[in-house]
Amino acid sequence: MKPAADRRPEVTPPEPVIRDKIPDAGSRIMK
């Protein structure tokens, strides 16, 4: 339960990757 572990560089890369997959799903629904 350490906030530093959540802010680690290992958790930062996965965050942008998930955001990239979210817009992809929206584009597929619009298509």
C-alpha atoms as a PDB file:
ATOM      1  CA  MET A   1       0.000   0.000   0.000  1.00  0.00           C
ATOM      2  CA  LYS A   2       2.754   2.447  -0.952  1.00  0.00           C
ATOM      3  CA  PRO A   3       1.929   5.384  -3.280  1.00  0.00           C
ATOM      4  CA  ALA A   4       5.550   5.334  -4.454  1.00  0.00           C
ATOM      5  CA  ALA A   5       5.096   1.814  -5.882  1.00  0.00           C
ATOM      6  CA  ASP A   6       2.112   3.027  -7.952  1.00  0.00           C
ATOM      7  CA  ARG A   7       4.119   6.020  -9.212  1.00  0.00           C
ATOM      8  CA  ARG A   8       7.087   3.781 -10.171  1.00  0.00           C
ATOM      9  CA  PRO A   9       8.337   3.906 -13.787  1.00  0.00           C
ATOM     10  CA  GLU A  10       7.021   0.360 -14.230  1.00  0.00           C
ATOM     11  CA  VAL A  11       3.437   1.549 -13.685  1.00  0.00           C
ATOM     12  CA  THR A  12       3.909   4.651 -15.852  1.00  0.00           C
ATOM     13  CA  PRO A  13       4.533   2.844 -19.194  1.00  0.00           C
ATOM     14  CA  PRO A  14       1.454   0.596 -18.858  1.00  0.00           C
ATOM     15  CA  GLU A  15      -0.720   3.678 -18.309  1.00  0.00           C
ATOM     16  CA  PRO A  16      -0.007   5.242 -21.759  1.00  0.00           C
ATOM     17  CA  VAL A  17      -0.407   1.850 -23.390  1.00  0.00           C
ATOM     18  CA  ILE A  18      -3.928   1.468 -21.961  1.00  0.00           C
ATOM     19  CA  ARG A  19      -4.845   5.001 -23.142  1.00  0.00           C
ATOM     20  CA  ASP A  20      -3.681   4.072 -26.644  1.00  0.00           C
ATOM     21  CA  LYS A  21      -5.956   1.010 -26.599  1.00  0.00           C
ATOM     22  CA  ILE A  22      -8.961   3.033 -25.399  1.00  0.00           C
ATOM     23  CA  PRO A  23      -8.977   5.373 -28.462  1.00  0.00           C
ATOM     24  CA  ASP A  24      -8.518   2.358 -30.715  1.00  0.00           C
ATOM     25  CA  ALA A  25     -11.727   0.804 -29.380  1.00  0.00           C
ATOM     26  CA  GLY A  26     -13.618   4.084 -29.941  1.00  0.00           C
ATOM     27  CA  SER A  27     -12.368   4.288 -33.528  1.00  0.00           C
ATOM     28  CA  ARG A  28     -13.494   0.702 -34.173  1.00  0.00           C
ATOM     29  CA  ILE A  29     -16.977   1.451 -32.848  1.00  0.00           C
ATOM     30  CA  MET A  30     -17.213   4.565 -35.067  1.00  0.00           C
ATOM     31  CA  LYS A  31     -16.148   2.462 -38.045  1.00  0.00           C
END
